[in-house]
Amino acid sequence: MTTPMTNPGPRPVVLQGTGRVVGAGERTDVAEEDLDTPGLRPVRPPTGPRPPAGNARTDQWAAHAASIGVELPDDATRDQIKAAVAAHTEES
């Protein structure tokens, strides 16, 4: 049995059971014997709509914000919308 995990740290980690190296930010399927490797975190499957690219237009970010229930003022900038979306996502 394997579990999807990710290495959130800035450095690679070595899986305890196999000695395999998982790079920073890398996702991998981890076998039972490696589940206790320090630094690895379970990967949560994405839920809901996928956000636009970071450099997407303001109207694309506004549409995404509306689709996930974030209320915004009409004059919100792209950076304000992205921050509101991030805050909403962290709360969920």
PDB file of N, CA and C in Angstrom:
ATOM      1  N   MET A   1       0.838  -1.176   0.000  1.00  0.00           N
ATOM      2  CA  MET A   1       0.000   0.000   0.000  1.00  0.00           C
ATOM      3  C   MET A   1       0.886   1.243   0.000  1.00  0.00           C
ATOM      4  N   THR A   2       0.488   2.245  -0.779  1.00  0.00           N
ATOM      5  CA  THR A   2       1.235   3.493  -0.793  1.00  0.00           C
ATOM      6  C   THR A   2       0.310   4.661  -0.473  1.00  0.00           C
ATOM      7  N   THR A   3       0.908   5.739  -0.013  1.00  0.00           N
ATOM      8  CA  THR A   3       0.195   6.959   0.341  1.00  0.00           C
ATOM      9  C   THR A   3       0.859   8.119  -0.371  1.00  0.00           C
ATOM     10  N   PRO A   4       0.081   9.007  -1.035  1.00  0.00           N
ATOM     11  CA  PRO A   4       0.716  10.162  -1.663  1.00  0.00           C
ATOM     12  C   PRO A   4       1.196  11.145  -0.601  1.00  0.00           C
ATOM     13  N   MET A   5       2.441  11.559  -0.708  1.00  0.00           N
ATOM     14  CA  MET A   5       3.044  12.491   0.253  1.00  0.00           C
ATOM     15  C   MET A   5       3.822  13.543  -0.520  1.00  0.00           C
ATOM     16  N   THR A   6       4.142  14.644   0.178  1.00  0.00           N
ATOM     17  CA  THR A   6       4.978  15.677  -0.417  1.00  0.00           C
ATOM     18  C   THR A   6       6.035  16.104   0.590  1.00  0.00           C
ATOM     19  N   ASN A   7       7.166  16.536   0.080  1.00  0.00           N
ATOM     20  CA  ASN A   7       8.235  17.064   0.917  1.00  0.00           C
ATOM     21  C   ASN A   7       8.130  18.582   0.882  1.00  0.00           C
ATOM     22  N   PRO A   8       7.602  19.222   1.965  1.00  0.00           N
ATOM     23  CA  PRO A   8       7.396  20.657   1.949  1.00  0.00           C
ATOM     24  C   PRO A   8       8.654  21.463   2.263  1.00  0.00           C
ATOM     25  N   GLY A   9       9.685  20.780   2.710  1.00  0.00           N
ATOM     26  CA  GLY A   9      10.864  21.490   3.188  1.00  0.00           C
ATOM     27  C   GLY A   9      11.780  22.014   2.112  1.00  0.00           C
ATOM     28  N   PRO A  10      12.733  22.814   2.514  1.00  0.00           N
ATOM     29  CA  PRO A  10      13.684  23.366   1.561  1.00  0.00           C
ATOM     30  C   PRO A  10      14.790  22.389   1.186  1.00  0.00           C
ATOM     31  N   ARG A  11      14.853  21.241   1.873  1.00  0.00           N
ATOM     32  CA  ARG A  11      15.923  20.266   1.608  1.00  0.00           C
ATOM     33  C   ARG A  11      15.323  18.909   1.267  1.00  0.00           C
ATOM     34  N   PRO A  12      16.042  18.112   0.509  1.00  0.00           N
ATOM     35  CA  PRO A  12      15.574  16.750   0.234  1.00  0.00           C
ATOM     36  C   PRO A  12      15.521  15.930   1.517  1.00  0.00           C
ATOM     37  N   VAL A  13      14.654  14.915   1.527  1.00  0.00           N
ATOM     38  CA  VAL A  13      14.619  13.965   2.638  1.00  0.00           C
ATOM     39  C   VAL A  13      14.882  12.576   2.071  1.00  0.00           C
ATOM     40  N   VAL A  14      15.382  11.689   2.926  1.00  0.00           N
ATOM     41  CA  VAL A  14      15.668  10.316   2.534  1.00  0.00           C
ATOM     42  C   VAL A  14      14.608   9.428   3.173  1.00  0.00           C
ATOM     43  N   LEU A  15      13.911   8.651   2.349  1.00  0.00           N
ATOM     44  CA  LEU A  15      12.890   7.755   2.875  1.00  0.00           C
ATOM     45  C   LEU A  15      13.552   6.681   3.718  1.00  0.00           C
ATOM     46  N   GLN A  16      13.003   6.455   4.907  1.00  0.00           N
ATOM     47  CA  GLN A  16      13.627   5.557   5.864  1.00  0.00           C
ATOM     48  C   GLN A  16      13.700   4.116   5.385  1.00  0.00           C
ATOM     49  N   GLY A  17      12.634   3.609   4.776  1.00  0.00           N
ATOM     50  CA  GLY A  17      12.598   2.196   4.398  1.00  0.00           C
ATOM     51  C   GLY A  17      13.412   1.864   3.163  1.00  0.00           C
ATOM     52  N   THR A  18      13.474   2.795   2.210  1.00  0.00           N
ATOM     53  CA  THR A  18      14.111   2.482   0.932  1.00  0.00           C
ATOM     54  C   THR A  18      15.393   3.254   0.674  1.00  0.00           C
ATOM     55  N   GLY A  19      15.609   4.354   1.388  1.00  0.00           N
ATOM     56  CA  GLY A  19      16.778   5.178   1.140  1.00  0.00           C
ATOM     57  C   GLY A  19      16.607   6.096  -0.055  1.00  0.00           C
ATOM     58  N   ARG A  20      15.424   6.076  -0.680  1.00  0.00           N
ATOM     59  CA  ARG A  20      15.155   6.934  -1.835  1.00  0.00           C
ATOM     60  C   ARG A  20      15.081   8.396  -1.403  1.00  0.00           C
ATOM     61  N   VAL A  21      15.624   9.281  -2.225  1.00  0.00           N
ATOM     62  CA  VAL A  21      15.637  10.710  -1.924  1.00  0.00           C
ATOM     63  C   VAL A  21      14.401  11.352  -2.552  1.00  0.00           C
ATOM     64  N   VAL A  22      13.717  12.183  -1.751  1.00  0.00           N
ATOM     65  CA  VAL A  22      12.564  12.951  -2.229  1.00  0.00           C
ATOM     66  C   VAL A  22      12.962  14.419  -2.172  1.00  0.00           C
ATOM     67  N   GLY A  23      13.037  15.053  -3.323  1.00  0.00           N
ATOM     68  CA  GLY A  23      13.460  16.443  -3.397  1.00  0.00           C
ATOM     69  C   GLY A  23      12.458  17.394  -2.765  1.00  0.00           C
ATOM     70  N   ALA A  24      12.913  18.596  -2.457  1.00  0.00           N
ATOM     71  CA  ALA A  24      12.049  19.617  -1.875  1.00  0.00           C
ATOM     72  C   ALA A  24      10.889  19.900  -2.806  1.00  0.00           C
ATOM     73  N   GLY A  25       9.671  19.867  -2.270  1.00  0.00           N
ATOM     74  CA  GLY A  25       8.485  20.124  -3.055  1.00  0.00           C
ATOM     75  C   GLY A  25       8.017  18.959  -3.904  1.00  0.00           C
ATOM     76  N   GLU A  26       8.766  17.888  -3.923  1.00  0.00           N
ATOM     77  CA  GLU A  26       8.419  16.735  -4.759  1.00  0.00           C
ATOM     78  C   GLU A  26       7.303  15.920  -4.119  1.00  0.00           C
ATOM     79  N   ARG A  27       6.387  15.470  -4.944  1.00  0.00           N
ATOM     80  CA  ARG A  27       5.343  14.558  -4.494  1.00  0.00           C
ATOM     81  C   ARG A  27       5.734  13.150  -4.896  1.00  0.00           C
ATOM     82  N   THR A  28       5.382  12.198  -4.060  1.00  0.00           N
ATOM     83  CA  THR A  28       5.730  10.813  -4.338  1.00  0.00           C
ATOM     84  C   THR A  28       4.739   9.901  -3.656  1.00  0.00           C
ATOM     85  N   ASP A  29       4.661   8.667  -4.115  1.00  0.00           N
ATOM     86  CA  ASP A  29       3.895   7.647  -3.414  1.00  0.00           C
ATOM     87  C   ASP A  29       4.843   6.983  -2.424  1.00  0.00           C
ATOM     88  N   VAL A  30       4.422   6.925  -1.173  1.00  0.00           N
ATOM     89  CA  VAL A  30       5.279   6.430  -0.102  1.00  0.00           C
ATOM     90  C   VAL A  30       4.725   5.101   0.399  1.00  0.00           C
ATOM     91  N   ALA A  31       5.599   4.104   0.494  1.00  0.00           N
ATOM     92  CA  ALA A  31       5.216   2.791   1.010  1.00  0.00           C
ATOM     93  C   ALA A  31       5.068   2.858   2.526  1.00  0.00           C
ATOM     94  N   GLU A  32       4.356   1.881   3.082  1.00  0.00           N
ATOM     95  CA  GLU A  32       4.101   1.857   4.521  1.00  0.00           C
ATOM     96  C   GLU A  32       5.367   2.010   5.356  1.00  0.00           C
ATOM     97  N   GLU A  33       6.440   1.352   4.940  1.00  0.00           N
ATOM     98  CA  GLU A  33       7.666   1.406   5.752  1.00  0.00           C
ATOM     99  C   GLU A  33       8.306   2.797   5.779  1.00  0.00           C
ATOM    100  N   ASP A  34       7.879   3.684   4.869  1.00  0.00           N
ATOM    101  CA  ASP A  34       8.452   5.026   4.817  1.00  0.00           C
ATOM    102  C   ASP A  34       7.542   6.100   5.409  1.00  0.00           C
ATOM    103  N   LEU A  35       6.380   5.708   5.914  1.00  0.00           N
ATOM    104  CA  LEU A  35       5.416   6.703   6.383  1.00  0.00           C
ATOM    105  C   LEU A  35       5.928   7.534   7.557  1.00  0.00           C
ATOM    106  N   ASP A  36       6.873   7.020   8.316  1.00  0.00           N
ATOM    107  CA  ASP A  36       7.384   7.758   9.469  1.00  0.00           C
ATOM    108  C   ASP A  36       8.581   8.637   9.138  1.00  0.00           C
ATOM    109  N   THR A  37       8.900   8.813   7.872  1.00  0.00           N
ATOM    110  CA  THR A  37      10.029   9.652   7.487  1.00  0.00           C
ATOM    111  C   THR A  37       9.754  11.094   7.906  1.00  0.00           C
ATOM    112  N   PRO A  38      10.623  11.682   8.746  1.00  0.00           N
ATOM    113  CA  PRO A  38      10.402  13.061   9.175  1.00  0.00           C
ATOM    114  C   PRO A  38      10.406  14.018   7.984  1.00  0.00           C
ATOM    115  N   GLY A  39       9.539  14.999   8.023  1.00  0.00           N
ATOM    116  CA  GLY A  39       9.507  16.026   6.998  1.00  0.00           C
ATOM    117  C   GLY A  39       8.479  15.801   5.914  1.00  0.00           C
ATOM    118  N   LEU A  40       8.000  14.586   5.749  1.00  0.00           N
ATOM    119  CA  LEU A  40       6.998  14.332   4.716  1.00  0.00           C
ATOM    120  C   LEU A  40       5.607  14.669   5.240  1.00  0.00           C
ATOM    121  N   ARG A  41       4.764  15.162   4.354  1.00  0.00           N
ATOM    122  CA  ARG A  41       3.392  15.515   4.706  1.00  0.00           C
ATOM    123  C   ARG A  41       2.444  14.821   3.714  1.00  0.00           C
ATOM    124  N   PRO A  42       1.278  14.379   4.200  1.00  0.00           N
ATOM    125  CA  PRO A  42       0.307  13.797   3.273  1.00  0.00           C
ATOM    126  C   PRO A  42      -0.144  14.830   2.239  1.00  0.00           C
ATOM    127  N   VAL A  43      -0.386  14.367   1.045  1.00  0.00           N
ATOM    128  CA  VAL A  43      -0.889  15.235  -0.017  1.00  0.00           C
ATOM    129  C   VAL A  43      -2.411  15.215   0.060  1.00  0.00           C
ATOM    130  N   ARG A  44      -2.999  16.393   0.209  1.00  0.00           N
ATOM    131  CA  ARG A  44      -4.452  16.470   0.184  1.00  0.00           C
ATOM    132  C   ARG A  44      -4.893  16.621  -1.266  1.00  0.00           C
ATOM    133  N   PRO A  45      -5.822  15.796  -1.698  1.00  0.00           N
ATOM    134  CA  PRO A  45      -6.280  15.960  -3.067  1.00  0.00           C
ATOM    135  C   PRO A  45      -6.958  17.308  -3.238  1.00  0.00           C
ATOM    136  N   PRO A  46      -6.766  17.954  -4.372  1.00  0.00           N
ATOM    137  CA  PRO A  46      -7.384  19.249  -4.577  1.00  0.00           C
ATOM    138  C   PRO A  46      -8.903  19.127  -4.590  1.00  0.00           C
ATOM    139  N   THR A  47      -9.546  20.094  -3.972  1.00  0.00           N
ATOM    140  CA  THR A  47     -11.000  20.137  -3.977  1.00  0.00           C
ATOM    141  C   THR A  47     -11.428  21.485  -4.529  1.00  0.00           C
ATOM    142  N   GLY A  48     -12.524  21.495  -5.198  1.00  0.00           N
ATOM    143  CA  GLY A  48     -13.048  22.740  -5.734  1.00  0.00           C
ATOM    144  C   GLY A  48     -12.323  23.187  -6.983  1.00  0.00           C
ATOM    145  N   PRO A  49     -12.697  24.370  -7.460  1.00  0.00           N
ATOM    146  CA  PRO A  49     -12.101  24.883  -8.693  1.00  0.00           C
ATOM    147  C   PRO A  49     -10.617  25.182  -8.533  1.00  0.00           C
ATOM    148  N   ARG A  50      -9.892  24.979  -9.594  1.00  0.00           N
ATOM    149  CA  ARG A  50      -8.452  25.248  -9.584  1.00  0.00           C
ATOM    150  C   ARG A  50      -8.214  26.740  -9.828  1.00  0.00           C
ATOM    151  N   PRO A  51      -7.330  27.365  -9.033  1.00  0.00           N
ATOM    152  CA  PRO A  51      -7.076  28.801  -9.226  1.00  0.00           C
ATOM    153  C   PRO A  51      -6.345  29.067 -10.538  1.00  0.00           C
ATOM    154  N   PRO A  52      -6.500  30.275 -11.067  1.00  0.00           N
ATOM    155  CA  PRO A  52      -5.768  30.622 -12.287  1.00  0.00           C
ATOM    156  C   PRO A  52      -4.276  30.760 -11.998  1.00  0.00           C
ATOM    157  N   ALA A  53      -3.499  30.892 -13.055  1.00  0.00           N
ATOM    158  CA  ALA A  53      -2.054  31.101 -12.899  1.00  0.00           C
ATOM    159  C   ALA A  53      -1.813  32.370 -12.090  1.00  0.00           C
ATOM    160  N   GLY A  54      -0.704  32.430 -11.400  1.00  0.00           N
ATOM    161  CA  GLY A  54      -0.392  33.578 -10.558  1.00  0.00           C
ATOM    162  C   GLY A  54      -0.390  34.903 -11.296  1.00  0.00           C
ATOM    163  N   ASN A  55      -0.036  34.869 -12.571  1.00  0.00           N
ATOM    164  CA  ASN A  55       0.024  36.109 -13.341  1.00  0.00           C
ATOM    165  C   ASN A  55      -1.213  36.311 -14.212  1.00  0.00           C
ATOM    166  N   ALA A  56      -2.290  35.573 -13.913  1.00  0.00           N
ATOM    167  CA  ALA A  56      -3.528  35.708 -14.690  1.00  0.00           C
ATOM    168  C   ALA A  56      -4.107  37.110 -14.505  1.00  0.00           C
ATOM    169  N   ARG A  57      -4.981  37.486 -15.438  1.00  0.00           N
ATOM    170  CA  ARG A  57      -5.601  38.812 -15.399  1.00  0.00           C
ATOM    171  C   ARG A  57      -6.501  38.964 -14.173  1.00  0.00           C
ATOM    172  N   THR A  58      -6.744  40.208 -13.798  1.00  0.00           N
ATOM    173  CA  THR A  58      -7.588  40.520 -12.641  1.00  0.00           C
ATOM    174  C   THR A  58      -8.971  39.907 -12.790  1.00  0.00           C
ATOM    175  N   ASP A  59      -9.552  39.976 -13.982  1.00  0.00           N
ATOM    176  CA  ASP A  59     -10.899  39.435 -14.166  1.00  0.00           C
ATOM    177  C   ASP A  59     -10.923  37.912 -13.992  1.00  0.00           C
ATOM    178  N   GLN A  60      -9.840  37.227 -14.326  1.00  0.00           N
ATOM    179  CA  GLN A  60      -9.776  35.774 -14.122  1.00  0.00           C
ATOM    180  C   GLN A  60      -9.721  35.446 -12.629  1.00  0.00           C
ATOM    181  N   TRP A  61      -8.926  36.221 -11.894  1.00  0.00           N
ATOM    182  CA  TRP A  61      -8.854  36.022 -10.444  1.00  0.00           C
ATOM    183  C   TRP A  61     -10.182  36.367  -9.786  1.00  0.00           C
ATOM    184  N   ALA A  62     -10.847  37.423 -10.257  1.00  0.00           N
ATOM    185  CA  ALA A  62     -12.147  37.808  -9.700  1.00  0.00           C
ATOM    186  C   ALA A  62     -13.184  36.711  -9.952  1.00  0.00           C
ATOM    187  N   ALA A  63     -13.171  36.129 -11.145  1.00  0.00           N
ATOM    188  CA  ALA A  63     -14.105  35.039 -11.453  1.00  0.00           C
ATOM    189  C   ALA A  63     -13.842  33.833 -10.553  1.00  0.00           C
ATOM    190  N   HIS A  64     -12.575  33.520 -10.340  1.00  0.00           N
ATOM    191  CA  HIS A  64     -12.241  32.398  -9.457  1.00  0.00           C
ATOM    192  C   HIS A  64     -12.700  32.701  -8.033  1.00  0.00           C
ATOM    193  N   ALA A  65     -12.439  33.910  -7.558  1.00  0.00           N
ATOM    194  CA  ALA A  65     -12.855  34.286  -6.207  1.00  0.00           C
ATOM    195  C   ALA A  65     -14.367  34.135  -6.054  1.00  0.00           C
ATOM    196  N   ALA A  66     -15.115  34.594  -7.029  1.00  0.00           N
ATOM    197  CA  ALA A  66     -16.575  34.477  -6.978  1.00  0.00           C
ATOM    198  C   ALA A  66     -17.002  33.011  -6.966  1.00  0.00           C
ATOM    199  N   SER A  67     -16.291  32.163  -7.713  1.00  0.00           N
ATOM    200  CA  SER A  67     -16.669  30.752  -7.804  1.00  0.00           C
ATOM    201  C   SER A  67     -16.467  30.003  -6.495  1.00  0.00           C
ATOM    202  N   ILE A  68     -15.595  30.521  -5.623  1.00  0.00           N
ATOM    203  CA  ILE A  68     -15.370  29.855  -4.330  1.00  0.00           C
ATOM    204  C   ILE A  68     -16.005  30.624  -3.175  1.00  0.00           C
ATOM    205  N   GLY A  69     -16.797  31.658  -3.521  1.00  0.00           N
ATOM    206  CA  GLY A  69     -17.561  32.368  -2.495  1.00  0.00           C
ATOM    207  C   GLY A  69     -16.847  33.507  -1.796  1.00  0.00           C
ATOM    208  N   VAL A  70     -15.797  34.043  -2.395  1.00  0.00           N
ATOM    209  CA  VAL A  70     -15.086  35.173  -1.799  1.00  0.00           C
ATOM    210  C   VAL A  70     -15.743  36.465  -2.285  1.00  0.00           C
ATOM    211  N   GLU A  71     -16.170  37.301  -1.344  1.00  0.00           N
ATOM    212  CA  GLU A  71     -16.763  38.581  -1.707  1.00  0.00           C
ATOM    213  C   GLU A  71     -15.671  39.631  -1.771  1.00  0.00           C
ATOM    214  N   LEU A  72     -15.722  40.460  -2.820  1.00  0.00           N
ATOM    215  CA  LEU A  72     -14.680  41.461  -3.065  1.00  0.00           C
ATOM    216  C   LEU A  72     -15.308  42.803  -3.395  1.00  0.00           C
ATOM    217  N   PRO A  73     -14.609  43.889  -3.051  1.00  0.00           N
ATOM    218  CA  PRO A  73     -15.073  45.196  -3.528  1.00  0.00           C
ATOM    219  C   PRO A  73     -14.845  45.294  -5.035  1.00  0.00           C
ATOM    220  N   ASP A  74     -15.635  46.128  -5.701  1.00  0.00           N
ATOM    221  CA  ASP A  74     -15.527  46.260  -7.160  1.00  0.00           C
ATOM    222  C   ASP A  74     -14.158  46.758  -7.618  1.00  0.00           C
ATOM    223  N   ASP A  75     -13.487  47.540  -6.765  1.00  0.00           N
ATOM    224  CA  ASP A  75     -12.205  48.119  -7.164  1.00  0.00           C
ATOM    225  C   ASP A  75     -10.997  47.322  -6.664  1.00  0.00           C
ATOM    226  N   ALA A  76     -11.188  46.051  -6.294  1.00  0.00           N
ATOM    227  CA  ALA A  76     -10.080  45.230  -5.782  1.00  0.00           C
ATOM    228  C   ALA A  76      -9.036  45.002  -6.868  1.00  0.00           C
ATOM    229  N   THR A  77      -7.773  45.105  -6.481  1.00  0.00           N
ATOM    230  CA  THR A  77      -6.678  44.839  -7.415  1.00  0.00           C
ATOM    231  C   THR A  77      -6.427  43.328  -7.482  1.00  0.00           C
ATOM    232  N   ARG A  78      -5.656  42.913  -8.465  1.00  0.00           N
ATOM    233  CA  ARG A  78      -5.337  41.495  -8.593  1.00  0.00           C
ATOM    234  C   ARG A  78      -4.657  40.977  -7.330  1.00  0.00           C
ATOM    235  N   ASP A  79      -3.701  41.734  -6.788  1.00  0.00           N
ATOM    236  CA  ASP A  79      -3.004  41.276  -5.585  1.00  0.00           C
ATOM    237  C   ASP A  79      -3.948  41.180  -4.394  1.00  0.00           C
ATOM    238  N   GLN A  80      -4.895  42.095  -4.279  1.00  0.00           N
ATOM    239  CA  GLN A  80      -5.877  42.020  -3.199  1.00  0.00           C
ATOM    240  C   GLN A  80      -6.775  40.793  -3.368  1.00  0.00           C
ATOM    241  N   ILE A  81      -7.165  40.519  -4.609  1.00  0.00           N
ATOM    242  CA  ILE A  81      -8.000  39.350  -4.873  1.00  0.00           C
ATOM    243  C   ILE A  81      -7.239  38.066  -4.553  1.00  0.00           C
ATOM    244  N   LYS A  82      -5.978  37.995  -4.987  1.00  0.00           N
ATOM    245  CA  LYS A  82      -5.164  36.807  -4.708  1.00  0.00           C
ATOM    246  C   LYS A  82      -5.009  36.603  -3.202  1.00  0.00           C
ATOM    247  N   ALA A  83      -4.803  37.680  -2.462  1.00  0.00           N
ATOM    248  CA  ALA A  83      -4.663  37.580  -1.004  1.00  0.00           C
ATOM    249  C   ALA A  83      -5.973  37.106  -0.371  1.00  0.00           C
ATOM    250  N   ALA A  84      -7.100  37.617  -0.846  1.00  0.00           N
ATOM    251  CA  ALA A  84      -8.401  37.196  -0.318  1.00  0.00           C
ATOM    252  C   ALA A  84      -8.661  35.715  -0.615  1.00  0.00           C
ATOM    253  N   VAL A  85      -8.292  35.284  -1.815  1.00  0.00           N
ATOM    254  CA  VAL A  85      -8.448  33.872  -2.185  1.00  0.00           C
ATOM    255  C   VAL A  85      -7.558  32.999  -1.297  1.00  0.00           C
ATOM    256  N   ALA A  86      -6.323  33.416  -1.093  1.00  0.00           N
ATOM    257  CA  ALA A  86      -5.410  32.640  -0.232  1.00  0.00           C
ATOM    258  C   ALA A  86      -5.934  32.539   1.188  1.00  0.00           C
ATOM    259  N   ALA A  87      -6.437  33.655   1.725  1.00  0.00           N
ATOM    260  CA  ALA A  87      -6.979  33.642   3.088  1.00  0.00           C
ATOM    261  C   ALA A  87      -8.196  32.721   3.171  1.00  0.00           C
ATOM    262  N   HIS A  88      -9.046  32.777   2.164  1.00  0.00           N
ATOM    263  CA  HIS A  88     -10.239  31.930   2.135  1.00  0.00           C
ATOM    264  C   HIS A  88      -9.843  30.457   2.057  1.00  0.00           C
ATOM    265  N   THR A  89      -8.841  30.157   1.259  1.00  0.00           N
ATOM    266  CA  THR A  89      -8.393  28.781   1.081  1.00  0.00           C
ATOM    267  C   THR A  89      -7.794  28.233   2.376  1.00  0.00           C
ATOM    268  N   GLU A  90      -7.053  29.071   3.100  1.00  0.00           N
ATOM    269  CA  GLU A  90      -6.453  28.632   4.374  1.00  0.00           C
ATOM    270  C   GLU A  90      -7.522  28.357   5.415  1.00  0.00           C
ATOM    271  N   GLU A  91      -8.626  29.112   5.375  1.00  0.00           N
ATOM    272  CA  GLU A  91      -9.717  28.915   6.330  1.00  0.00           C
ATOM    273  C   GLU A  91     -10.455  27.612   6.079  1.00  0.00           C
ATOM    274  N   SER A  92     -10.498  27.194   4.825  1.00  0.00           N
ATOM    275  CA  SER A  92     -11.276  25.996   4.459  1.00  0.00           C
ATOM    276  C   SER A  92     -10.635  24.727   4.941  1.00  0.00           C
TER     277      SER A  92
END
